[in-house]
Amino acid sequence: MEELTPGSLYTYKVKSTNRVGDGPWSAEYSFLIVNEPSQPLNPRVVEFSDNFVEISWEQPLMNGGQALSGFNIYRQDTTLGSGIYSLLVGLTAHDFYYTDSGVDGGHDYQYYITSFNVLGGESVQSLTLYVTPSQAPSGMTAPIEVTHSKNSVTLSWNPPTSDGSSPVRRYILYAKADF
């Protein structure tokens, strides 16, 4: 038997032979060999904040012998330990970006992408993306003087109005003397 190649159309027919000779050929039977496509290439996190994660990817190397039907995006929230990957969204074969606006800032997420075609099925998963959506703190107000002496000053300030969904790790104080 010959080695079959995905994406190739194969046609077969058969006839029988006896002592008298060959009978007529049968009707032809044709079929297309289709496998699952390869995984999407170069997945990456394009941008994120405390309320969205945008990811992108590139076309897989092989379509499995049939045009791609689309891509599936899977997500796992690993904030409280090991979560379970679940299908987030299915997209068309023309989509190479997705914005997940259902994230919570400060949570740890993992994503992977698969490609699929109708007859061959779903590819293995792409490389895994890891992201913790958050942004820089904002809303700091000016420090206020608590006490001062001839050689020192004690200042106080309020925390930022938004920590960007990530705990504030330190404060940096800028001081400038005007002479």
N, C-alpha and C. Protein backbone atom coordinates (compact mmCIF):
# COMPACT_ATOMS: atom_id res chain seq x y z
N MET A 1 0.86 -1.18 0.00
CA MET A 1 0.00 0.00 0.00
C MET A 1 0.90 1.24 0.00
N GLU A 2 0.50 2.22 -0.70
CA GLU A 2 1.29 3.44 -0.81
C GLU A 2 1.13 4.33 0.43
N GLU A 3 2.11 5.17 0.71
CA GLU A 3 2.04 6.13 1.80
C GLU A 3 1.17 7.29 1.34
N LEU A 4 0.15 7.62 2.12
CA LEU A 4 -0.78 8.68 1.75
C LEU A 4 -0.31 10.01 2.30
N THR A 5 -0.53 11.06 1.53
CA THR A 5 -0.08 12.40 1.87
C THR A 5 -1.28 13.29 2.18
N PRO A 6 -1.31 13.91 3.37
CA PRO A 6 -2.41 14.83 3.68
C PRO A 6 -2.53 15.91 2.63
N GLY A 7 -3.77 16.23 2.27
CA GLY A 7 -4.04 17.25 1.27
C GLY A 7 -4.14 16.70 -0.13
N SER A 8 -3.86 15.42 -0.29
CA SER A 8 -3.92 14.81 -1.62
C SER A 8 -5.24 14.08 -1.82
N LEU A 9 -5.74 14.13 -3.03
CA LEU A 9 -6.95 13.42 -3.41
C LEU A 9 -6.54 12.10 -4.03
N TYR A 10 -7.10 11.02 -3.55
CA TYR A 10 -6.80 9.69 -4.06
C TYR A 10 -8.04 9.10 -4.70
N THR A 11 -7.87 8.48 -5.87
CA THR A 11 -8.97 7.86 -6.59
C THR A 11 -8.61 6.41 -6.85
N TYR A 12 -9.55 5.52 -6.58
CA TYR A 12 -9.34 4.08 -6.77
C TYR A 12 -10.50 3.51 -7.57
N LYS A 13 -10.21 2.45 -8.35
CA LYS A 13 -11.22 1.64 -8.98
C LYS A 13 -10.66 0.23 -9.05
N VAL A 14 -11.50 -0.74 -9.27
CA VAL A 14 -11.08 -2.13 -9.24
C VAL A 14 -11.79 -2.90 -10.36
N LYS A 15 -11.14 -3.96 -10.81
CA LYS A 15 -11.79 -4.88 -11.74
C LYS A 15 -11.38 -6.30 -11.36
N SER A 16 -12.16 -7.24 -11.78
CA SER A 16 -11.85 -8.64 -11.47
C SER A 16 -11.39 -9.35 -12.75
N THR A 17 -10.64 -10.41 -12.53
CA THR A 17 -10.11 -11.18 -13.64
C THR A 17 -10.34 -12.66 -13.36
N ASN A 18 -10.72 -13.40 -14.41
CA ASN A 18 -10.78 -14.86 -14.29
C ASN A 18 -10.11 -15.49 -15.51
N ARG A 19 -10.32 -16.80 -15.77
CA ARG A 19 -9.67 -17.48 -16.89
C ARG A 19 -10.03 -16.88 -18.23
N VAL A 20 -11.18 -16.33 -18.32
CA VAL A 20 -11.64 -15.80 -19.60
C VAL A 20 -11.07 -14.42 -19.87
N GLY A 21 -10.83 -13.64 -18.81
CA GLY A 21 -10.29 -12.30 -19.00
C GLY A 21 -10.71 -11.34 -17.92
N ASP A 22 -10.53 -10.08 -18.25
CA ASP A 22 -10.84 -9.02 -17.29
C ASP A 22 -12.29 -8.60 -17.40
N GLY A 23 -12.90 -8.36 -16.25
CA GLY A 23 -14.23 -7.77 -16.22
C GLY A 23 -14.11 -6.26 -16.34
N PRO A 24 -15.23 -5.57 -16.35
CA PRO A 24 -15.20 -4.10 -16.47
C PRO A 24 -14.69 -3.46 -15.17
N TRP A 25 -14.17 -2.26 -15.32
CA TRP A 25 -13.75 -1.49 -14.16
C TRP A 25 -14.96 -1.07 -13.33
N SER A 26 -14.78 -1.01 -12.04
CA SER A 26 -15.83 -0.50 -11.14
C SER A 26 -15.91 1.01 -11.28
N ALA A 27 -16.89 1.57 -10.65
CA ALA A 27 -16.96 3.03 -10.55
C ALA A 27 -15.78 3.49 -9.70
N GLU A 28 -15.37 4.73 -9.87
CA GLU A 28 -14.25 5.26 -9.11
C GLU A 28 -14.68 5.65 -7.70
N TYR A 29 -13.75 5.49 -6.79
CA TYR A 29 -13.95 5.92 -5.41
C TYR A 29 -12.84 6.91 -5.10
N SER A 30 -13.19 8.13 -4.67
CA SER A 30 -12.20 9.17 -4.39
C SER A 30 -12.35 9.66 -2.96
N PHE A 31 -11.24 10.00 -2.37
CA PHE A 31 -11.27 10.60 -1.04
C PHE A 31 -10.05 11.49 -0.85
N LEU A 32 -10.20 12.42 0.03
CA LEU A 32 -9.16 13.39 0.36
C LEU A 32 -8.59 13.03 1.72
N ILE A 33 -7.27 12.97 1.81
CA ILE A 33 -6.61 12.69 3.09
C ILE A 33 -6.46 14.02 3.83
N VAL A 34 -7.07 14.10 5.02
CA VAL A 34 -7.03 15.33 5.81
C VAL A 34 -6.59 14.97 7.23
N ASN A 35 -5.64 15.70 7.74
CA ASN A 35 -5.19 15.60 9.13
C ASN A 35 -5.49 16.90 9.83
N GLU A 36 -5.23 16.91 11.14
CA GLU A 36 -5.34 18.17 11.86
C GLU A 36 -4.21 19.09 11.42
N PRO A 37 -4.43 20.38 11.48
CA PRO A 37 -3.37 21.33 11.13
C PRO A 37 -2.31 21.36 12.24
N SER A 38 -1.19 22.01 11.95
CA SER A 38 -0.19 22.22 13.00
C SER A 38 -0.64 23.39 13.88
N GLN A 39 0.01 23.56 15.01
CA GLN A 39 -0.39 24.59 15.96
C GLN A 39 -0.06 25.98 15.43
N PRO A 40 -0.79 27.00 15.89
CA PRO A 40 -0.47 28.39 15.53
C PRO A 40 0.94 28.75 16.00
N LEU A 41 1.57 29.62 15.26
CA LEU A 41 2.96 30.00 15.55
C LEU A 41 3.05 31.34 16.28
N ASN A 42 4.12 31.51 17.01
CA ASN A 42 4.51 32.77 17.65
C ASN A 42 3.39 33.45 18.45
N PRO A 43 2.73 32.72 19.35
CA PRO A 43 1.75 33.41 20.20
C PRO A 43 2.47 34.40 21.11
N ARG A 44 1.82 35.54 21.36
CA ARG A 44 2.45 36.52 22.25
C ARG A 44 1.38 37.40 22.87
N VAL A 45 1.73 37.96 24.02
CA VAL A 45 0.87 38.96 24.67
C VAL A 45 1.25 40.30 24.06
N VAL A 46 0.28 40.95 23.41
CA VAL A 46 0.52 42.23 22.74
C VAL A 46 0.46 43.37 23.74
N GLU A 47 -0.57 43.34 24.58
CA GLU A 47 -0.79 44.42 25.54
C GLU A 47 -1.72 43.91 26.63
N PHE A 48 -1.63 44.50 27.82
CA PHE A 48 -2.56 44.14 28.89
C PHE A 48 -2.67 45.28 29.88
N SER A 49 -3.75 45.26 30.64
CA SER A 49 -3.93 46.18 31.76
C SER A 49 -4.67 45.40 32.83
N ASP A 50 -5.26 46.08 33.80
CA ASP A 50 -5.96 45.36 34.86
C ASP A 50 -7.31 44.81 34.42
N ASN A 51 -7.78 45.14 33.21
CA ASN A 51 -9.09 44.63 32.78
C ASN A 51 -9.11 44.02 31.38
N PHE A 52 -7.96 43.83 30.74
CA PHE A 52 -7.93 43.14 29.45
C PHE A 52 -6.55 42.57 29.16
N VAL A 53 -6.54 41.55 28.31
CA VAL A 53 -5.31 40.96 27.80
C VAL A 53 -5.50 40.79 26.30
N GLU A 54 -4.59 41.35 25.50
CA GLU A 54 -4.65 41.19 24.05
C GLU A 54 -3.53 40.24 23.62
N ILE A 55 -3.90 39.19 22.88
CA ILE A 55 -2.91 38.23 22.40
C ILE A 55 -2.96 38.16 20.87
N SER A 56 -1.87 37.70 20.28
CA SER A 56 -1.82 37.52 18.82
C SER A 56 -1.05 36.24 18.51
N TRP A 57 -1.14 35.78 17.27
CA TRP A 57 -0.45 34.59 16.81
C TRP A 57 -0.35 34.65 15.31
N GLU A 58 0.36 33.68 14.73
CA GLU A 58 0.53 33.62 13.28
C GLU A 58 -0.01 32.30 12.75
N GLN A 59 -0.20 32.27 11.45
CA GLN A 59 -0.71 31.10 10.73
C GLN A 59 0.14 29.85 11.03
N PRO A 60 -0.49 28.68 11.18
CA PRO A 60 0.31 27.46 11.36
C PRO A 60 1.06 27.10 10.08
N LEU A 61 2.11 26.30 10.21
CA LEU A 61 2.88 25.90 9.04
C LEU A 61 2.08 25.01 8.09
N MET A 62 1.25 24.11 8.64
CA MET A 62 0.49 23.17 7.81
C MET A 62 -0.99 23.25 8.14
N ASN A 63 -1.81 23.19 7.10
CA ASN A 63 -3.26 23.24 7.32
C ASN A 63 -3.88 21.86 7.41
N GLY A 64 -3.10 20.79 7.28
CA GLY A 64 -3.61 19.43 7.40
C GLY A 64 -4.27 18.91 6.14
N GLY A 65 -4.12 19.62 5.05
CA GLY A 65 -4.69 19.16 3.79
C GLY A 65 -6.03 19.78 3.45
N GLN A 66 -6.49 20.67 4.27
CA GLN A 66 -7.76 21.35 4.03
C GLN A 66 -7.67 22.75 4.62
N ALA A 67 -8.40 23.68 4.05
CA ALA A 67 -8.37 25.06 4.54
C ALA A 67 -8.70 25.10 6.04
N LEU A 68 -8.02 25.98 6.75
CA LEU A 68 -8.30 26.15 8.18
C LEU A 68 -9.72 26.67 8.38
N SER A 69 -10.36 26.17 9.41
CA SER A 69 -11.69 26.67 9.78
C SER A 69 -11.58 27.79 10.81
N GLY A 70 -10.57 27.70 11.68
CA GLY A 70 -10.43 28.74 12.68
C GLY A 70 -9.43 28.40 13.76
N PHE A 71 -9.54 29.17 14.86
CA PHE A 71 -8.64 29.04 15.99
C PHE A 71 -9.46 28.99 17.27
N ASN A 72 -8.99 28.22 18.24
CA ASN A 72 -9.60 28.18 19.57
C ASN A 72 -8.61 28.77 20.56
N ILE A 73 -9.13 29.62 21.46
CA ILE A 73 -8.33 30.21 22.52
C ILE A 73 -8.76 29.56 23.83
N TYR A 74 -7.79 29.03 24.58
CA TYR A 74 -8.05 28.42 25.87
C TYR A 74 -7.39 29.27 26.95
N ARG A 75 -8.06 29.35 28.12
CA ARG A 75 -7.54 30.15 29.23
C ARG A 75 -7.66 29.37 30.53
N GLN A 76 -6.70 29.62 31.41
CA GLN A 76 -6.70 29.03 32.73
C GLN A 76 -6.34 30.13 33.73
N ASP A 77 -7.10 30.22 34.83
CA ASP A 77 -6.78 31.15 35.92
C ASP A 77 -6.06 30.34 36.99
N THR A 78 -4.77 30.64 37.20
CA THR A 78 -3.97 29.87 38.14
C THR A 78 -3.71 30.63 39.44
N THR A 79 -4.50 31.65 39.71
CA THR A 79 -4.28 32.50 40.87
C THR A 79 -4.32 31.70 42.18
N LEU A 80 -5.28 30.84 42.33
CA LEU A 80 -5.46 30.10 43.58
C LEU A 80 -4.98 28.67 43.46
N GLY A 81 -3.96 28.42 42.66
CA GLY A 81 -3.46 27.06 42.47
C GLY A 81 -3.69 26.64 41.03
N SER A 82 -3.71 25.35 40.83
CA SER A 82 -3.85 24.88 39.45
C SER A 82 -5.33 24.91 39.06
N GLY A 83 -5.62 25.67 38.04
CA GLY A 83 -6.96 25.72 37.50
C GLY A 83 -7.07 24.76 36.32
N ILE A 84 -8.18 24.83 35.65
CA ILE A 84 -8.42 23.98 34.48
C ILE A 84 -8.53 24.87 33.26
N TYR A 85 -7.87 24.48 32.18
CA TYR A 85 -8.03 25.22 30.93
C TYR A 85 -9.45 25.02 30.43
N SER A 86 -10.06 26.09 29.97
CA SER A 86 -11.37 25.98 29.35
C SER A 86 -11.36 26.81 28.06
N LEU A 87 -12.20 26.37 27.13
CA LEU A 87 -12.31 27.08 25.85
C LEU A 87 -12.88 28.46 26.12
N LEU A 88 -12.14 29.47 25.76
CA LEU A 88 -12.56 30.85 25.96
C LEU A 88 -13.39 31.33 24.78
N VAL A 89 -12.88 31.08 23.54
CA VAL A 89 -13.57 31.55 22.35
C VAL A 89 -13.06 30.79 21.13
N GLY A 90 -13.92 30.61 20.15
CA GLY A 90 -13.53 30.10 18.84
C GLY A 90 -13.58 31.24 17.85
N LEU A 91 -12.56 31.36 17.02
CA LEU A 91 -12.46 32.47 16.07
C LEU A 91 -12.34 31.93 14.65
N THR A 92 -12.54 32.79 13.67
CA THR A 92 -12.42 32.38 12.27
C THR A 92 -10.95 32.22 11.88
N ALA A 93 -10.73 31.65 10.73
CA ALA A 93 -9.37 31.45 10.23
C ALA A 93 -8.70 32.75 9.82
N HIS A 94 -9.44 33.85 9.81
CA HIS A 94 -8.90 35.15 9.42
C HIS A 94 -8.54 36.02 10.62
N ASP A 95 -8.81 35.52 11.82
CA ASP A 95 -8.52 36.27 13.05
C ASP A 95 -7.16 35.86 13.61
N PHE A 96 -6.31 36.85 13.90
CA PHE A 96 -5.00 36.58 14.46
C PHE A 96 -4.74 37.41 15.72
N TYR A 97 -5.78 38.05 16.24
CA TYR A 97 -5.72 38.82 17.48
C TYR A 97 -6.97 38.51 18.28
N TYR A 98 -6.84 38.55 19.58
CA TYR A 98 -8.01 38.43 20.44
C TYR A 98 -7.78 39.25 21.69
N THR A 99 -8.81 39.97 22.13
CA THR A 99 -8.75 40.74 23.36
C THR A 99 -9.69 40.10 24.37
N ASP A 100 -9.13 39.61 25.45
CA ASP A 100 -9.90 39.01 26.53
C ASP A 100 -10.21 40.12 27.53
N SER A 101 -11.46 40.55 27.55
CA SER A 101 -11.85 41.62 28.47
C SER A 101 -12.55 41.07 29.71
N GLY A 102 -12.46 39.77 29.92
CA GLY A 102 -13.08 39.15 31.09
C GLY A 102 -12.06 38.74 32.13
N VAL A 103 -11.01 39.53 32.31
CA VAL A 103 -9.97 39.20 33.28
C VAL A 103 -10.11 40.07 34.52
N ASP A 104 -9.55 39.60 35.60
CA ASP A 104 -9.50 40.35 36.85
C ASP A 104 -8.06 40.73 37.12
N GLY A 105 -7.81 42.01 37.33
CA GLY A 105 -6.46 42.48 37.60
C GLY A 105 -5.86 41.78 38.80
N GLY A 106 -4.59 41.44 38.69
CA GLY A 106 -3.90 40.77 39.77
C GLY A 106 -4.00 39.25 39.71
N HIS A 107 -4.89 38.70 38.88
CA HIS A 107 -4.98 37.25 38.73
C HIS A 107 -3.90 36.78 37.77
N ASP A 108 -3.49 35.54 37.91
CA ASP A 108 -2.51 34.93 37.02
C ASP A 108 -3.23 34.08 35.98
N TYR A 109 -2.98 34.37 34.70
CA TYR A 109 -3.64 33.64 33.61
C TYR A 109 -2.63 32.97 32.71
N GLN A 110 -3.05 31.85 32.14
CA GLN A 110 -2.28 31.16 31.11
C GLN A 110 -3.21 30.97 29.91
N TYR A 111 -2.64 31.15 28.72
CA TYR A 111 -3.40 31.00 27.47
C TYR A 111 -2.65 30.07 26.53
N TYR A 112 -3.40 29.33 25.72
CA TYR A 112 -2.81 28.68 24.55
C TYR A 112 -3.85 28.69 23.43
N ILE A 113 -3.36 28.49 22.21
CA ILE A 113 -4.19 28.60 21.02
C ILE A 113 -4.05 27.31 20.21
N THR A 114 -5.14 26.87 19.60
CA THR A 114 -5.10 25.75 18.66
C THR A 114 -5.71 26.20 17.35
N SER A 115 -5.36 25.51 16.27
CA SER A 115 -5.99 25.74 14.98
C SER A 115 -6.81 24.49 14.66
N PHE A 116 -7.79 24.64 13.78
CA PHE A 116 -8.60 23.46 13.43
C PHE A 116 -9.14 23.60 12.01
N ASN A 117 -9.43 22.44 11.43
CA ASN A 117 -10.16 22.37 10.16
C ASN A 117 -11.33 21.41 10.36
N VAL A 118 -12.28 21.40 9.45
CA VAL A 118 -13.52 20.66 9.65
C VAL A 118 -13.29 19.15 9.70
N LEU A 119 -12.52 18.60 8.80
CA LEU A 119 -12.37 17.15 8.71
C LEU A 119 -11.23 16.59 9.55
N GLY A 120 -10.15 17.33 9.69
CA GLY A 120 -8.97 16.81 10.37
C GLY A 120 -8.98 16.99 11.87
N GLY A 121 -9.70 17.97 12.35
CA GLY A 121 -9.78 18.20 13.78
C GLY A 121 -8.90 19.33 14.26
N GLU A 122 -8.55 19.27 15.54
CA GLU A 122 -7.86 20.35 16.23
C GLU A 122 -6.37 20.02 16.39
N SER A 123 -5.55 21.03 16.24
CA SER A 123 -4.09 20.88 16.38
C SER A 123 -3.71 20.67 17.84
N VAL A 124 -2.45 20.36 18.05
CA VAL A 124 -1.90 20.40 19.40
C VAL A 124 -1.83 21.88 19.81
N GLN A 125 -1.64 22.12 21.07
CA GLN A 125 -1.65 23.50 21.56
C GLN A 125 -0.37 24.25 21.20
N SER A 126 -0.51 25.56 21.07
CA SER A 126 0.63 26.44 20.84
C SER A 126 1.46 26.52 22.12
N LEU A 127 2.52 27.30 22.07
CA LEU A 127 3.26 27.62 23.28
C LEU A 127 2.32 28.32 24.25
N THR A 128 2.55 28.18 25.52
CA THR A 128 1.69 28.78 26.54
C THR A 128 2.14 30.20 26.85
N LEU A 129 1.15 31.09 26.98
CA LEU A 129 1.40 32.48 27.35
C LEU A 129 1.03 32.66 28.83
N TYR A 130 1.86 33.40 29.56
CA TYR A 130 1.63 33.67 30.98
C TYR A 130 1.50 35.17 31.17
N VAL A 131 0.45 35.61 31.90
CA VAL A 131 0.26 37.04 32.12
C VAL A 131 -0.51 37.28 33.41
N THR A 132 -0.14 38.35 34.09
CA THR A 132 -0.88 38.83 35.26
C THR A 132 -1.33 40.25 34.93
N PRO A 133 -2.60 40.40 34.51
CA PRO A 133 -3.06 41.73 34.11
C PRO A 133 -3.05 42.71 35.27
N SER A 134 -2.36 43.81 35.09
CA SER A 134 -2.32 44.90 36.05
C SER A 134 -1.73 46.11 35.36
N GLN A 135 -1.67 47.22 36.04
CA GLN A 135 -1.07 48.43 35.49
C GLN A 135 -0.41 49.19 36.61
N ALA A 136 0.32 50.22 36.29
CA ALA A 136 1.01 51.02 37.30
C ALA A 136 0.00 51.70 38.21
N PRO A 137 0.38 51.92 39.48
CA PRO A 137 -0.51 52.63 40.39
C PRO A 137 -0.77 54.06 39.87
N SER A 138 -1.89 54.63 40.26
CA SER A 138 -2.21 55.99 39.84
C SER A 138 -3.00 56.71 40.93
N GLY A 139 -3.06 58.02 40.79
CA GLY A 139 -3.85 58.83 41.72
C GLY A 139 -3.13 59.23 42.98
N MET A 140 -1.82 59.42 42.91
CA MET A 140 -1.07 59.89 44.09
C MET A 140 -1.34 61.39 44.28
N THR A 141 -1.50 61.78 45.52
CA THR A 141 -1.64 63.20 45.84
C THR A 141 -0.32 63.69 46.42
N ALA A 142 -0.15 64.97 46.46
CA ALA A 142 1.09 65.56 46.96
C ALA A 142 1.31 65.21 48.43
N PRO A 143 2.57 65.02 48.83
CA PRO A 143 2.83 64.77 50.25
C PRO A 143 2.52 66.02 51.08
N ILE A 144 2.26 65.78 52.35
CA ILE A 144 2.01 66.90 53.26
C ILE A 144 3.04 66.88 54.38
N GLU A 145 3.35 68.07 54.88
CA GLU A 145 4.33 68.19 55.95
C GLU A 145 3.68 67.83 57.26
N VAL A 146 4.36 66.98 58.01
CA VAL A 146 3.87 66.60 59.33
C VAL A 146 4.61 67.43 60.39
N THR A 147 5.92 67.42 60.31
CA THR A 147 6.75 68.24 61.21
C THR A 147 8.01 68.64 60.46
N HIS A 148 8.66 69.66 60.99
CA HIS A 148 9.97 70.02 60.43
C HIS A 148 10.81 70.69 61.52
N SER A 149 12.08 70.62 61.30
CA SER A 149 13.03 71.29 62.19
C SER A 149 14.05 71.97 61.29
N LYS A 150 15.09 72.51 61.92
CA LYS A 150 16.12 73.19 61.16
C LYS A 150 16.85 72.23 60.22
N ASN A 151 16.97 70.94 60.59
CA ASN A 151 17.74 69.98 59.81
C ASN A 151 16.93 68.85 59.19
N SER A 152 15.63 68.79 59.43
CA SER A 152 14.85 67.66 58.90
C SER A 152 13.41 68.04 58.66
N VAL A 153 12.77 67.20 57.90
CA VAL A 153 11.35 67.34 57.63
C VAL A 153 10.73 65.95 57.65
N THR A 154 9.53 65.85 58.17
CA THR A 154 8.78 64.60 58.15
C THR A 154 7.55 64.83 57.29
N LEU A 155 7.41 63.96 56.31
CA LEU A 155 6.29 64.07 55.37
C LEU A 155 5.37 62.87 55.49
N SER A 156 4.17 63.04 55.02
CA SER A 156 3.19 61.95 55.00
C SER A 156 2.45 62.01 53.66
N TRP A 157 1.93 60.90 53.22
CA TRP A 157 1.12 60.87 52.00
C TRP A 157 0.13 59.73 52.08
N ASN A 158 -0.88 59.85 51.27
CA ASN A 158 -1.92 58.82 51.18
C ASN A 158 -1.54 57.81 50.09
N PRO A 159 -2.01 56.59 50.21
CA PRO A 159 -1.73 55.61 49.15
C PRO A 159 -2.42 56.05 47.85
N PRO A 160 -2.02 55.48 46.74
CA PRO A 160 -2.65 55.85 45.46
C PRO A 160 -4.12 55.46 45.46
N THR A 161 -4.90 56.15 44.66
CA THR A 161 -6.32 55.81 44.57
C THR A 161 -6.53 54.47 43.87
N SER A 162 -5.56 54.08 43.02
CA SER A 162 -5.61 52.77 42.36
C SER A 162 -4.23 52.12 42.46
N ASP A 163 -4.21 50.88 42.92
CA ASP A 163 -2.93 50.17 42.98
C ASP A 163 -2.63 49.41 41.68
N GLY A 164 -3.50 49.58 40.66
CA GLY A 164 -3.29 48.90 39.38
C GLY A 164 -3.51 47.41 39.46
N SER A 165 -4.24 46.96 40.47
CA SER A 165 -4.52 45.53 40.70
C SER A 165 -3.27 44.74 41.07
N SER A 166 -2.32 45.42 41.65
CA SER A 166 -1.10 44.77 42.12
C SER A 166 -0.62 45.54 43.33
N PRO A 167 -0.26 44.87 44.41
CA PRO A 167 0.13 45.58 45.62
C PRO A 167 1.29 46.55 45.38
N VAL A 168 1.22 47.74 46.01
CA VAL A 168 2.30 48.72 45.92
C VAL A 168 3.50 48.14 46.69
N ARG A 169 4.65 48.12 46.04
CA ARG A 169 5.85 47.53 46.65
C ARG A 169 6.74 48.57 47.31
N ARG A 170 6.68 49.81 46.86
CA ARG A 170 7.51 50.85 47.46
C ARG A 170 7.02 52.22 46.98
N TYR A 171 7.47 53.23 47.68
CA TYR A 171 7.23 54.62 47.30
C TYR A 171 8.58 55.26 47.02
N ILE A 172 8.63 56.12 46.04
CA ILE A 172 9.85 56.86 45.72
C ILE A 172 9.55 58.34 45.93
N LEU A 173 10.32 58.96 46.80
CA LEU A 173 10.11 60.37 47.13
C LEU A 173 11.16 61.20 46.40
N TYR A 174 10.70 62.24 45.71
CA TYR A 174 11.58 63.15 45.00
C TYR A 174 11.74 64.42 45.84
N ALA A 175 12.95 64.85 46.03
CA ALA A 175 13.20 66.06 46.80
C ALA A 175 14.09 67.00 45.99
N LYS A 176 13.76 68.28 46.03
CA LYS A 176 14.55 69.29 45.30
C LYS A 176 14.61 70.53 46.17
N ALA A 177 15.78 71.05 46.33
CA ALA A 177 15.95 72.27 47.11
C ALA A 177 16.01 73.45 46.16
N ASP A 178 15.18 74.45 46.36
CA ASP A 178 15.21 75.67 45.54
C ASP A 178 16.01 76.73 46.28
N PHE A 179 17.12 77.15 45.76
CA PHE A 179 17.96 78.18 46.39
C PHE A 179 17.91 79.43 45.58
